[in-house]
N, C-alpha and C. Protein backbone atom coordinates (compact mmCIF):
# COMPACT_ATOMS: atom_id res chain seq x y z
N MET A 1 0.87 -1.30 -0.15
CA MET A 1 0.06 0.15 -0.18
C MET A 1 0.77 1.63 -0.29
N ARG A 2 1.91 1.54 0.74
CA ARG A 2 2.93 2.34 0.73
C ARG A 2 3.60 2.73 -0.43
N ALA A 3 3.90 1.34 -0.94
CA ALA A 3 4.75 1.84 -2.72
C ALA A 3 3.41 2.50 -3.71
N ARG A 4 2.01 1.72 -3.51
CA ARG A 4 1.14 2.36 -4.14
C ARG A 4 0.96 4.14 -4.09
N SER A 5 0.84 4.56 -2.49
CA SER A 5 0.50 5.30 -2.32
C SER A 5 1.80 6.63 -2.88
N LEU A 6 3.31 6.08 -2.88
CA LEU A 6 4.14 6.44 -3.46
C LEU A 6 4.04 6.77 -4.85
N PHE A 7 3.43 5.90 -5.48
CA PHE A 7 3.39 6.13 -6.93
C PHE A 7 2.33 7.04 -7.41
N VAL A 8 1.31 7.01 -6.67
CA VAL A 8 -0.14 8.00 -7.10
C VAL A 8 0.43 9.74 -6.52
N LEU A 9 1.30 9.62 -5.32
CA LEU A 9 2.00 11.13 -5.04
C LEU A 9 2.61 11.69 -6.21
N ILE A 10 3.66 10.72 -6.85
CA ILE A 10 4.75 11.38 -7.63
C ILE A 10 3.96 11.32 -8.81
N ALA A 11 2.55 10.94 -9.39
CA ALA A 11 2.22 10.81 -10.70
C ALA A 11 1.49 11.92 -10.69
N SER A 12 0.97 12.50 -9.58
CA SER A 12 -0.03 13.79 -9.11
C SER A 12 1.01 14.96 -9.52
N LEU A 13 2.15 14.69 -8.95
CA LEU A 13 2.78 15.68 -8.84
C LEU A 13 3.51 15.83 -10.10
N LEU A 14 3.84 15.07 -10.88
CA LEU A 14 4.53 15.18 -12.64
C LEU A 14 3.05 15.69 -13.27
N THR A 15 2.05 15.52 -13.39
CA THR A 15 0.47 15.64 -13.82
C THR A 15 0.36 17.27 -13.49
N VAL A 16 0.33 17.72 -12.29
CA VAL A 16 0.61 19.11 -11.61
C VAL A 16 1.88 19.93 -12.43
N ALA A 17 2.76 19.17 -12.61
CA ALA A 17 4.25 19.67 -13.14
C ALA A 17 4.03 20.18 -14.21
N SER A 18 3.46 18.89 -15.64
CA SER A 18 3.19 18.96 -16.85
C SER A 18 2.15 20.31 -16.92
N LEU A 19 1.26 20.31 -16.10
CA LEU A 19 -0.06 21.34 -16.46
C LEU A 19 0.47 22.87 -16.31
N TRP A 20 1.37 22.59 -15.54
CA TRP A 20 1.92 24.28 -15.07
C TRP A 20 2.85 24.40 -16.20
N TRP A 21 3.98 23.89 -16.39
CA TRP A 21 4.52 23.84 -17.92
C TRP A 21 3.32 24.41 -19.05
N PHE A 22 2.33 23.56 -19.26
CA PHE A 22 1.62 23.46 -20.11
C PHE A 22 0.90 24.89 -20.52
N PHE A 23 0.57 25.50 -19.27
CA PHE A 23 -0.11 26.78 -19.20
C PHE A 23 0.41 28.28 -19.04
N THR A 24 1.62 27.88 -18.76
CA THR A 24 2.62 29.27 -18.10
C THR A 24 3.85 29.58 -19.11
N PRO A 25 3.63 30.78 -19.25
CA PRO A 25 4.48 31.51 -20.65
C PRO A 25 5.83 31.60 -20.05
N GLY A 26 6.81 31.27 -20.92
CA GLY A 26 8.10 31.95 -20.70
C GLY A 26 8.16 33.44 -20.74
N ALA A 27 9.77 33.62 -20.53
CA ALA A 27 9.71 35.46 -20.40
C ALA A 27 9.20 35.91 -21.69
N LEU A 28 8.61 36.81 -21.36
CA LEU A 28 7.80 37.50 -23.18
C LEU A 28 9.03 37.92 -24.09
N ARG A 29 9.36 37.78 -24.96
CA ARG A 29 10.13 37.74 -25.85
C ARG A 29 9.57 38.72 -27.51
N PHE A 30 8.50 38.97 -27.18
CA PHE A 30 7.67 39.05 -28.29
C PHE A 30 7.98 40.40 -29.13
N ARG A 31 9.17 41.33 -28.78
CA ARG A 31 9.71 42.53 -28.88
C ARG A 31 11.08 42.31 -28.87
N SER A 32 11.63 41.21 -28.05
CA SER A 32 13.20 41.30 -27.87
C SER A 32 13.68 39.88 -28.35
N PHE A 33 13.06 39.27 -29.47
CA PHE A 33 13.16 38.21 -30.25
C PHE A 33 14.68 37.61 -30.67
N ASP A 34 15.25 36.69 -30.88
CA ASP A 34 16.29 36.63 -31.12
C ASP A 34 16.15 36.33 -32.85
N PRO A 35 16.71 37.21 -33.75
CA PRO A 35 16.65 37.51 -35.21
C PRO A 35 17.09 36.19 -35.83
N GLU A 36 18.09 35.60 -35.51
CA GLU A 36 18.59 34.48 -36.18
C GLU A 36 17.76 33.52 -35.63
N ARG A 37 17.13 32.92 -34.71
CA ARG A 37 15.80 31.87 -33.95
C ARG A 37 14.94 31.73 -35.23
N VAL A 38 14.41 33.12 -35.15
CA VAL A 38 13.15 33.78 -36.09
C VAL A 38 13.25 33.32 -37.42
N GLY A 39 14.00 33.79 -37.61
CA GLY A 39 14.48 33.93 -39.42
C GLY A 39 14.55 32.01 -40.17
N ARG A 40 15.27 31.18 -38.89
CA ARG A 40 15.67 30.00 -39.31
C ARG A 40 14.32 29.37 -39.27
N ALA A 41 13.57 29.37 -38.17
CA ALA A 41 12.19 28.85 -38.01
C ALA A 41 11.53 28.94 -39.26
N GLU A 42 11.21 30.43 -39.62
CA GLU A 42 10.31 30.95 -40.24
C GLU A 42 10.78 29.72 -41.70
N ALA A 43 11.97 30.30 -42.21
CA ALA A 43 12.63 29.28 -43.29
C ALA A 43 12.08 27.86 -43.27
N GLY A 44 11.94 27.34 -42.28
CA GLY A 44 11.48 25.73 -41.93
C GLY A 44 9.98 25.95 -42.17
N LEU A 45 9.53 26.88 -41.70
CA LEU A 45 8.10 26.68 -42.08
C LEU A 45 7.42 26.67 -43.48
N TRP A 46 8.46 27.87 -43.75
CA TRP A 46 7.86 27.87 -45.64
C TRP A 46 8.20 26.69 -46.05
N ARG A 47 9.19 26.12 -45.73
CA ARG A 47 9.47 24.97 -46.79
C ARG A 47 8.53 23.86 -46.17
N ASP A 48 7.92 23.76 -44.93
CA ASP A 48 7.02 22.46 -44.43
C ASP A 48 5.53 22.87 -45.46
N TYR A 49 5.65 24.30 -45.43
CA TYR A 49 4.14 24.56 -46.03
C TYR A 49 4.51 24.21 -47.98
N TYR A 50 5.12 24.68 -48.31
CA TYR A 50 5.77 24.48 -49.84
C TYR A 50 5.23 22.99 -50.33
N GLU A 51 6.12 21.86 -48.96
CA GLU A 51 6.33 20.68 -49.49
C GLU A 51 5.05 20.05 -48.94
N GLY A 52 3.89 20.39 -48.37
CA GLY A 52 3.01 19.79 -47.91
C GLY A 52 2.92 18.88 -46.69
N ARG A 53 3.57 19.64 -45.83
CA ARG A 53 3.82 18.89 -44.60
C ARG A 53 2.72 19.45 -43.05
N PRO A 54 1.56 19.04 -43.60
CA PRO A 54 0.79 20.21 -42.45
C PRO A 54 1.04 20.13 -41.31
N VAL A 55 1.14 18.47 -40.80
CA VAL A 55 1.85 18.01 -39.49
C VAL A 55 3.04 18.85 -38.48
N GLU A 56 4.02 19.11 -39.77
CA GLU A 56 5.03 19.24 -39.25
C GLU A 56 5.05 20.86 -39.04
N LEU A 57 3.75 21.50 -40.09
CA LEU A 57 3.73 23.12 -40.05
C LEU A 57 2.95 23.71 -38.51
N ILE A 58 2.18 23.07 -38.53
CA ILE A 58 1.34 23.09 -37.12
C ILE A 58 2.47 23.01 -36.26
N VAL A 59 3.18 21.72 -36.11
CA VAL A 59 4.03 21.62 -34.68
C VAL A 59 5.24 23.26 -34.71
N GLY A 60 5.78 23.27 -35.86
CA GLY A 60 6.53 24.04 -36.22
C GLY A 60 5.87 25.60 -35.51
N LEU A 61 4.82 25.78 -35.80
CA LEU A 61 4.32 26.71 -36.11
C LEU A 61 4.15 26.89 -34.04
N ALA A 62 3.64 26.20 -33.29
CA ALA A 62 3.77 26.21 -32.03
C ALA A 62 4.83 26.27 -31.47
N LEU A 63 5.99 25.52 -31.55
CA LEU A 63 6.90 25.59 -31.27
C LEU A 63 7.87 27.10 -31.81
N ASN A 64 7.86 27.28 -32.90
CA ASN A 64 8.39 28.63 -32.89
C ASN A 64 7.74 29.59 -32.24
N ASP A 65 6.46 29.92 -31.81
CA ASP A 65 5.60 30.94 -30.71
C ASP A 65 6.24 30.59 -29.34
N TYR A 66 6.34 29.63 -28.99
CA TYR A 66 6.84 29.30 -27.32
C TYR A 66 8.47 29.63 -27.32
N ARG A 67 9.38 28.88 -28.23
CA ARG A 67 10.41 29.40 -27.96
C ARG A 67 11.33 30.35 -28.16
N ALA A 68 10.55 31.18 -29.80
CA ALA A 68 10.61 32.72 -29.96
C ALA A 68 10.34 33.92 -29.02
N PHE A 69 8.60 34.08 -28.89
CA PHE A 69 8.25 34.99 -28.99
C PHE A 69 7.73 34.51 -26.81
N GLY A 70 7.68 33.55 -26.41
CA GLY A 70 7.66 33.50 -25.18
C GLY A 70 6.18 32.99 -24.94
N LEU A 71 5.62 32.50 -25.45
CA LEU A 71 4.35 32.20 -25.16
C LEU A 71 4.17 30.75 -24.67
N SER A 72 3.18 30.67 -23.83
CA SER A 72 3.04 29.58 -23.34
C SER A 72 2.84 28.44 -23.83
N PRO A 73 2.86 27.06 -23.85
CA PRO A 73 2.74 25.73 -25.15
C PRO A 73 1.55 25.99 -25.42
N TYR A 74 0.36 26.11 -24.40
CA TYR A 74 -0.85 25.97 -24.71
C TYR A 74 -1.35 27.06 -25.90
N ALA A 75 -1.13 28.71 -25.60
CA ALA A 75 -1.28 29.47 -26.66
C ALA A 75 -0.88 29.28 -27.77
N SER A 76 0.77 28.87 -27.99
CA SER A 76 1.35 28.91 -29.21
C SER A 76 0.62 27.43 -29.91
N PHE A 77 0.35 26.36 -28.90
CA PHE A 77 -0.20 24.99 -29.83
C PHE A 77 -1.78 25.77 -30.70
N ARG A 78 -2.26 26.67 -29.73
CA ARG A 78 -3.88 27.56 -30.13
C ARG A 78 -3.12 28.03 -31.63
N ALA A 79 -2.35 29.05 -31.06
CA ALA A 79 -1.86 29.76 -32.43
C ALA A 79 -1.25 29.19 -33.80
N GLY A 80 -0.53 28.33 -33.30
CA GLY A 80 -0.37 27.19 -34.53
C GLY A 80 -0.97 26.95 -35.33
N LEU A 81 -2.22 26.28 -35.04
CA LEU A 81 -3.51 25.65 -35.07
C LEU A 81 -4.11 26.60 -35.98
N THR A 82 -4.65 27.81 -35.75
CA THR A 82 -5.13 28.64 -36.35
C THR A 82 -3.96 29.06 -37.33
N ALA A 83 -3.07 29.61 -37.35
CA ALA A 83 -1.91 29.92 -38.21
C ALA A 83 -1.93 29.01 -39.61
N ALA A 84 -1.73 27.47 -39.15
CA ALA A 84 -2.25 27.01 -40.33
C ALA A 84 -3.04 26.67 -41.03
N ASP A 85 -4.36 26.65 -40.49
CA ASP A 85 -5.52 26.89 -41.29
C ASP A 85 -6.03 27.83 -41.95
N ALA A 86 -5.24 28.99 -41.47
CA ALA A 86 -5.45 30.09 -42.64
C ALA A 86 -4.80 29.91 -43.85
N ALA A 87 -3.58 29.63 -43.35
CA ALA A 87 -2.59 29.17 -44.33
C ALA A 87 -3.52 28.09 -45.24
N ARG A 88 -3.76 27.12 -45.07
CA ARG A 88 -4.23 26.02 -45.67
C ARG A 88 -5.67 26.52 -46.42
N ARG A 89 -6.24 27.17 -45.77
CA ARG A 89 -7.62 27.52 -46.55
C ARG A 89 -7.13 28.92 -47.86
N PHE A 90 -6.20 29.54 -47.68
CA PHE A 90 -5.58 30.56 -48.36
C PHE A 90 -4.77 29.38 -49.76
N GLN A 91 -4.33 28.45 -49.13
CA GLN A 91 -3.50 27.66 -50.42
C GLN A 91 -4.50 27.35 -51.27
N ARG A 92 -5.77 26.93 -50.80
CA ARG A 92 -6.81 26.33 -51.48
C ARG A 92 -7.74 27.03 -52.71
N SER A 93 -7.13 28.06 -52.05
CA SER A 93 -8.24 29.53 -52.86
C SER A 93 -7.52 30.02 -54.17
N ARG A 94 -8.74 30.29 -55.40
CA ARG A 94 -8.43 30.80 -56.41
C ARG A 94 -8.71 32.02 -56.75
N SER A 95 -9.13 32.90 -55.66
CA SER A 95 -9.62 34.35 -56.47
C SER A 95 -9.65 35.10 -54.77
N ARG A 96 -9.65 36.39 -54.90
CA ARG A 96 -9.93 37.29 -53.78
C ARG A 96 -11.23 36.72 -52.95
N ALA A 97 -12.38 36.32 -53.47
CA ALA A 97 -13.54 35.79 -53.01
C ALA A 97 -12.94 34.46 -51.90
N GLU A 98 -12.72 33.45 -52.21
CA GLU A 98 -12.28 32.83 -51.83
C GLU A 98 -11.30 32.58 -50.90
N ALA A 99 -10.38 33.66 -51.01
CA ALA A 99 -8.95 33.77 -50.11
C ALA A 99 -10.01 34.50 -48.74
N GLN A 100 -11.10 34.96 -48.62
CA GLN A 100 -11.22 35.56 -47.43
C GLN A 100 -11.94 34.07 -46.43
N ALA A 101 -12.09 33.08 -46.86
CA ALA A 101 -12.05 32.03 -46.06
C ALA A 101 -10.95 32.04 -45.17
N ALA A 102 -9.66 32.71 -45.18
CA ALA A 102 -8.44 32.25 -43.90
C ALA A 102 -9.08 33.76 -43.33
N LEU A 103 -9.77 34.71 -43.65
CA LEU A 103 -10.10 35.65 -42.76
C LEU A 103 -10.25 35.35 -40.97
N LYS A 104 -10.91 34.16 -40.97
CA LYS A 104 -11.79 33.92 -39.70
C LYS A 104 -10.73 33.38 -38.92
N PRO A 105 -9.78 32.73 -39.43
CA PRO A 105 -8.74 31.51 -38.62
C PRO A 105 -7.57 32.53 -38.12
N LEU A 106 -7.37 33.50 -39.03
CA LEU A 106 -6.25 34.71 -39.06
C LEU A 106 -6.61 35.52 -37.94
N THR A 107 -7.95 35.98 -37.90
CA THR A 107 -8.36 36.84 -36.81
C THR A 107 -8.38 35.93 -35.51
N GLU A 108 -8.41 34.67 -35.27
CA GLU A 108 -8.32 33.86 -34.22
C GLU A 108 -6.98 33.72 -33.56
N HIS A 109 -6.20 33.73 -34.80
CA HIS A 109 -4.65 33.45 -34.42
C HIS A 109 -3.99 34.71 -33.92
N PHE A 110 -4.53 35.81 -34.23
CA PHE A 110 -4.07 37.58 -33.70
C PHE A 110 -4.76 37.85 -32.72
N ARG A 111 -5.99 37.15 -32.02
CA ARG A 111 -6.32 37.17 -30.94
C ARG A 111 -5.73 36.71 -29.61
N ILE A 112 -5.50 35.21 -30.64
CA ILE A 112 -4.36 34.58 -29.03
C ILE A 112 -3.16 34.94 -29.35
N VAL A 113 -2.61 35.46 -29.89
CA VAL A 113 -1.63 36.40 -30.05
C VAL A 113 -1.47 37.68 -28.78
N ARG A 114 -2.48 38.31 -29.35
CA ARG A 114 -3.10 40.04 -28.49
C ARG A 114 -2.93 39.72 -27.02
N GLU A 115 -3.64 38.46 -26.60
CA GLU A 115 -3.81 38.39 -25.45
C GLU A 115 -2.51 37.50 -24.62
N ALA A 116 -1.96 36.65 -25.23
CA ALA A 116 -0.69 36.07 -24.92
C ALA A 116 0.61 36.97 -24.51
N ALA A 117 0.66 37.86 -26.17
CA ALA A 117 1.79 38.57 -26.24
C ALA A 117 1.64 40.24 -24.82
N ARG A 118 0.19 40.31 -25.13
CA ARG A 118 -0.09 41.66 -24.00
C ARG A 118 -0.19 42.65 -25.40
N LEU A 119 -0.93 42.49 -26.26
CA LEU A 119 -0.35 43.66 -27.56
C LEU A 119 -1.40 44.46 -27.69
N HIS A 120 -1.33 46.29 -28.31
CA HIS A 120 -2.81 46.32 -28.17
C HIS A 120 -2.80 46.54 -29.74
N ILE A 121 -3.88 45.48 -29.94
CA ILE A 121 -4.31 45.65 -31.46
C ILE A 121 -5.59 45.02 -32.01
N ASP A 122 -6.01 45.31 -32.64
CA ASP A 122 -7.69 44.59 -32.90
C ASP A 122 -7.04 43.82 -34.01
N PRO A 123 -7.43 42.60 -33.67
CA PRO A 123 -7.27 41.36 -34.31
C PRO A 123 -7.95 41.25 -35.83
N ALA A 124 -8.80 41.59 -35.70
CA ALA A 124 -9.29 41.78 -37.34
C ALA A 124 -8.82 42.26 -38.06
N GLU A 125 -7.97 43.29 -37.76
CA GLU A 125 -7.64 44.42 -38.59
C GLU A 125 -5.79 43.61 -38.91
N ALA A 126 -5.32 43.04 -37.68
CA ALA A 126 -4.35 42.82 -37.95
C ALA A 126 -4.57 41.62 -38.89
N ALA A 127 -5.34 40.65 -38.93
CA ALA A 127 -5.74 39.89 -39.55
C ALA A 127 -6.12 40.40 -41.24
N ARG A 128 -6.82 41.35 -41.48
CA ARG A 128 -6.59 41.50 -42.98
C ARG A 128 -5.77 42.12 -43.82
N LEU A 129 -4.76 42.50 -42.67
CA LEU A 129 -3.47 43.35 -43.13
C LEU A 129 -2.67 42.24 -43.86
N GLU A 130 -2.89 41.19 -42.64
CA GLU A 130 -1.59 40.05 -43.56
C GLU A 130 -2.39 39.66 -44.39
N LEU A 131 -3.49 39.26 -44.54
CA LEU A 131 -4.45 38.64 -45.98
C LEU A 131 -4.24 39.45 -47.14
N ASP A 132 -3.99 40.87 -47.15
CA ASP A 132 -3.81 41.84 -47.91
C ASP A 132 -2.87 41.09 -48.49
N TRP A 133 -1.70 41.25 -47.51
CA TRP A 133 -0.20 40.93 -48.52
C TRP A 133 -0.30 39.93 -49.10
N TRP A 134 -0.86 38.98 -48.09
CA TRP A 134 -0.64 37.51 -49.16
C TRP A 134 -1.50 37.39 -50.28
N GLN A 135 -2.32 37.82 -50.70
CA GLN A 135 -3.06 37.94 -51.83
C GLN A 135 -2.15 39.14 -52.89
N LEU A 136 -1.98 40.41 -52.50
CA LEU A 136 -0.85 41.16 -53.49
C LEU A 136 0.13 40.01 -54.11
N ARG A 137 0.91 39.37 -52.76
CA ARG A 137 1.99 38.65 -53.23
C ARG A 137 1.58 37.65 -54.67
N ARG A 138 0.35 37.41 -54.86
CA ARG A 138 -0.37 36.52 -55.75
C ARG A 138 -0.34 37.06 -57.09
N GLU A 139 -0.86 38.23 -56.59
CA GLU A 139 -1.25 39.48 -58.22
C GLU A 139 -0.28 40.33 -58.53
N THR A 140 1.16 40.63 -57.98
CA THR A 140 1.29 41.88 -58.16
C THR A 140 2.94 41.24 -58.35
N ASP A 141 3.93 42.16 -58.68
CA ASP A 141 5.31 41.89 -58.72
C ASP A 141 5.80 42.34 -56.83
N THR A 142 7.15 41.94 -56.75
CA THR A 142 7.44 41.92 -55.28
C THR A 142 7.60 43.84 -55.02
N VAL A 143 7.99 44.48 -56.32
CA VAL A 143 7.57 45.82 -55.51
C VAL A 143 6.44 46.57 -54.85
N SER A 144 5.20 45.86 -55.32
CA SER A 144 3.59 46.15 -55.44
C SER A 144 3.43 45.65 -53.68
N TYR A 145 3.92 44.61 -53.50
CA TYR A 145 3.43 44.35 -51.93
C TYR A 145 4.59 44.33 -50.98
N THR A 146 5.71 45.02 -51.38
CA THR A 146 6.65 44.98 -50.40
C THR A 146 6.08 46.15 -49.51
N PRO A 147 5.64 47.06 -49.52
CA PRO A 147 4.61 47.98 -48.33
C PRO A 147 3.56 47.46 -47.65
N ALA A 148 2.59 46.66 -48.09
CA ALA A 148 2.13 46.01 -47.38
C ALA A 148 2.68 44.90 -46.30
N VAL A 149 3.49 44.40 -46.67
CA VAL A 149 4.18 43.38 -45.73
C VAL A 149 4.61 44.67 -44.89
N ALA A 150 5.37 45.67 -44.77
CA ALA A 150 5.60 46.94 -43.74
C ALA A 150 4.44 47.19 -42.84
N ARG A 151 3.31 47.20 -43.54
CA ARG A 151 1.94 47.77 -42.95
C ARG A 151 1.43 46.48 -42.03
N ALA A 152 1.54 45.33 -42.17
CA ALA A 152 1.15 44.37 -41.43
C ALA A 152 1.88 43.92 -40.16
N THR A 153 3.59 44.27 -40.45
CA THR A 153 4.20 44.23 -39.35
C THR A 153 4.54 45.51 -38.62
N GLY A 154 4.18 46.32 -39.23
CA GLY A 154 4.12 47.85 -38.66
C GLY A 154 3.31 47.61 -37.80
N TYR A 155 1.66 47.24 -37.80
CA TYR A 155 0.46 47.35 -37.18
C TYR A 155 0.41 46.27 -36.35
N LEU A 156 1.32 45.28 -36.03
CA LEU A 156 1.71 44.19 -34.89
C LEU A 156 2.26 44.87 -34.27
N TYR A 157 3.28 45.42 -34.29
CA TYR A 157 4.77 46.20 -33.20
C TYR A 157 4.05 47.21 -32.75
N GLY A 158 3.46 47.66 -33.47
CA GLY A 158 3.25 49.72 -33.57
C GLY A 158 4.62 50.52 -33.73
N VAL A 159 4.91 50.09 -35.33
CA VAL A 159 5.97 50.72 -35.82
C VAL A 159 5.56 51.18 -37.06
N PRO A 160 5.58 52.90 -36.83
CA PRO A 160 5.69 53.09 -38.60
C PRO A 160 5.74 52.82 -39.57
N PRO A 161 5.35 52.32 -40.36
CA PRO A 161 5.39 51.10 -41.84
C PRO A 161 6.74 51.76 -42.88
N GLU A 162 6.98 52.79 -42.55
CA GLU A 162 8.26 53.62 -43.45
C GLU A 162 9.48 53.13 -42.81
N ARG A 163 9.35 52.90 -41.56
CA ARG A 163 10.45 52.53 -41.01
C ARG A 163 11.19 50.80 -40.80
N LEU A 164 10.21 50.09 -41.33
CA LEU A 164 10.10 48.65 -41.70
C LEU A 164 10.62 48.49 -43.43
N ALA A 165 11.05 49.44 -44.23
CA ALA A 165 11.26 49.22 -45.35
C ALA A 165 12.51 48.18 -45.45
N ASN A 166 13.47 48.21 -44.63
CA ASN A 166 14.45 47.53 -45.17
C ASN A 166 14.36 45.97 -44.85
N TYR A 167 13.49 45.66 -43.63
CA TYR A 167 13.25 44.38 -42.93
C TYR A 167 12.07 43.76 -44.05
N ALA A 168 10.94 44.75 -44.61
CA ALA A 168 10.13 44.40 -45.49
C ALA A 168 10.70 43.57 -46.86
N SER A 169 11.66 44.36 -47.36
CA SER A 169 12.42 44.65 -48.75
C SER A 169 13.21 42.89 -48.88
N LEU A 170 13.38 42.74 -47.67
CA LEU A 170 14.74 41.65 -47.31
C LEU A 170 13.90 40.49 -47.19
N ARG A 171 12.70 40.43 -46.30
CA ARG A 171 11.47 39.41 -46.72
C ARG A 171 11.14 39.24 -47.69
N VAL A 172 10.76 40.43 -48.25
CA VAL A 172 10.02 40.17 -49.94
C VAL A 172 11.09 39.54 -50.89
N ALA A 173 12.36 39.48 -50.84
CA ALA A 173 13.33 39.05 -51.30
C ALA A 173 13.44 37.62 -50.97
N ALA A 174 13.04 37.19 -49.70
CA ALA A 174 13.07 35.89 -49.53
C ALA A 174 12.03 35.22 -50.07
N MET A 175 10.74 35.74 -50.45
CA MET A 175 9.31 35.03 -50.88
C MET A 175 10.01 35.01 -52.12
N ASP A 176 10.48 36.60 -53.07
CA ASP A 176 10.37 36.13 -54.43
C ASP A 176 11.18 34.72 -54.94
N LEU A 177 12.42 34.46 -54.08
CA LEU A 177 13.54 33.93 -54.60
C LEU A 177 12.71 32.38 -54.57
N ARG A 178 11.63 32.38 -53.40
CA ARG A 178 10.95 31.13 -53.28
C ARG A 178 9.99 30.85 -54.58
N ASP A 179 9.62 31.78 -54.81
CA ASP A 179 8.81 32.02 -56.37
C ASP A 179 9.21 31.68 -57.12
N ARG A 180 10.51 32.61 -57.47
CA ARG A 180 11.11 31.74 -58.60
C ARG A 180 11.34 30.68 -58.88
N LYS A 181 12.05 29.98 -57.94
CA LYS A 181 12.63 29.15 -57.84
C LYS A 181 11.34 27.86 -57.66
N GLY A 182 10.46 27.91 -57.54
CA GLY A 182 9.30 27.02 -57.66
C GLY A 182 9.88 25.55 -57.34
N ARG A 183 9.24 24.60 -58.11
CA ARG A 183 9.31 23.37 -57.95
C ARG A 183 11.26 22.65 -58.04
N ASN A 184 11.50 23.65 -58.50
CA ASN A 184 13.22 23.45 -58.93
C ASN A 184 13.65 23.98 -57.71
N ILE A 185 13.34 24.17 -56.72
CA ILE A 185 14.27 24.85 -55.46
C ILE A 185 15.01 23.73 -54.95
N GLN A 186 16.43 24.18 -54.43
CA GLN A 186 17.30 23.49 -54.19
C GLN A 186 17.63 23.64 -52.77
N ALA A 187 18.45 22.92 -52.07
CA ALA A 187 18.72 23.16 -50.60
C ALA A 187 19.52 24.04 -50.39
N SER A 188 20.59 24.52 -51.12
CA SER A 188 21.08 25.64 -51.41
C SER A 188 20.35 27.30 -51.34
N ASP A 189 19.03 26.48 -52.13
CA ASP A 189 18.06 27.94 -52.16
C ASP A 189 17.34 27.97 -50.82
N TRP A 190 17.40 27.16 -50.51
CA TRP A 190 16.20 27.45 -48.68
C TRP A 190 17.35 28.20 -47.81
N ALA A 191 18.62 28.12 -48.09
CA ALA A 191 19.98 27.95 -47.18
C ALA A 191 20.03 29.69 -47.53
N GLU A 192 19.88 30.15 -48.80
CA GLU A 192 19.50 31.70 -49.23
C GLU A 192 18.64 32.77 -48.47
N ILE A 193 17.38 31.65 -48.54
CA ILE A 193 16.12 32.38 -48.16
C ILE A 193 16.20 32.25 -46.54
N GLU A 194 16.59 31.59 -45.96
CA GLU A 194 17.25 31.72 -44.56
C GLU A 194 18.10 32.81 -43.79
N GLY A 195 19.30 32.93 -45.20
CA GLY A 195 20.06 33.68 -44.44
C GLY A 195 19.41 35.29 -44.83
N LEU A 196 18.48 35.71 -46.08
CA LEU A 196 17.59 36.77 -46.20
C LEU A 196 17.13 37.10 -44.63
N LEU A 197 15.93 36.06 -44.59
CA LEU A 197 14.71 35.90 -43.38
C LEU A 197 15.96 36.23 -42.25
N VAL A 198 16.69 35.96 -41.75
CA VAL A 198 17.51 36.22 -40.48
C VAL A 198 17.98 37.75 -40.58
N ARG A 199 18.22 38.17 -41.94
CA ARG A 199 18.95 39.62 -42.08
C ARG A 199 17.52 40.31 -42.22
N ALA A 200 16.50 40.22 -42.30
CA ALA A 200 14.87 41.17 -42.00
C ALA A 200 14.87 41.29 -40.97
N TYR A 201 15.20 39.96 -40.04
CA TYR A 201 14.59 40.20 -38.58
C TYR A 201 16.04 40.79 -38.12
N ARG A 202 16.91 40.73 -38.02
CA ARG A 202 18.15 41.98 -37.68
C ARG A 202 17.52 43.29 -38.10
N ALA A 203 16.62 43.34 -39.04
CA ALA A 203 16.55 44.56 -39.27
C ALA A 203 15.36 45.25 -38.39
N LEU A 204 14.81 44.31 -38.28
CA LEU A 204 13.33 44.58 -37.34
C LEU A 204 13.46 45.08 -36.04
N ARG A 205 14.23 43.75 -35.27
CA ARG A 205 14.41 43.75 -34.17
C ARG A 205 14.62 45.14 -33.66
N PRO A 206 15.35 45.97 -33.79
CA PRO A 206 15.91 47.50 -33.03
C PRO A 206 14.93 48.44 -33.13
N GLU A 207 13.80 48.01 -34.21
CA GLU A 207 12.62 49.02 -34.87
C GLU A 207 11.34 48.85 -33.67
N VAL A 208 11.46 47.73 -33.47
CA VAL A 208 10.12 46.92 -32.50
C VAL A 208 10.71 47.28 -30.82
N ILE A 209 11.76 47.62 -30.68
CA ILE A 209 12.15 47.60 -29.10
C ILE A 209 12.42 49.00 -29.05
N ALA A 210 12.84 50.18 -30.20
CA ALA A 210 12.46 51.31 -29.83
C ALA A 210 11.12 51.73 -29.74
N ALA A 211 10.06 50.99 -30.42
CA ALA A 211 8.77 51.49 -30.33
C ALA A 211 7.88 50.89 -29.24
N GLY A 212 8.89 49.88 -28.47
CA GLY A 212 8.28 49.40 -27.31
C GLY A 212 8.21 50.09 -25.76
């Protein structure tokens, strides 16, 4: 009986510890993120998205928010699910009207992020700006949608979009390389994309810290 009681006690303590970890955020790093970590993670997420690996995409999104921005595992998992759902709906759409299906999960995604990171944003507006550059990327050249990327990110962090021109240009350059390579993309191309994204987040970090 004593051994059984000890086992129950240990199991209970482990359950409590697991729940505490799952629902407790880490140190909030939404503004003081590590550019190298975020850039590498985003490149990996793009690869999962374009190579059709939805499970890896969801897990990657959740881990990225947890490790890079300090969200709790629970909030990160929910944010990852909604972001992946939005990406899936957009990927399947073939028109602006169909693409609106991505707005609902995108709005929920930004609502979760707003609460977890204590941001002063309207989730619906953040979703609208995000979807806007997704759609413009489909329809126009890189010069045309670069300002839209700056607007979406600027709104999220409270930074004037004109201060994010360098960040947006580098991020769009990474997207343009992915789009130009298409099905012929190689490992070396993904390495170049990762490098461009790391440089983009290096340019973004001081601006969001200054705005905070």
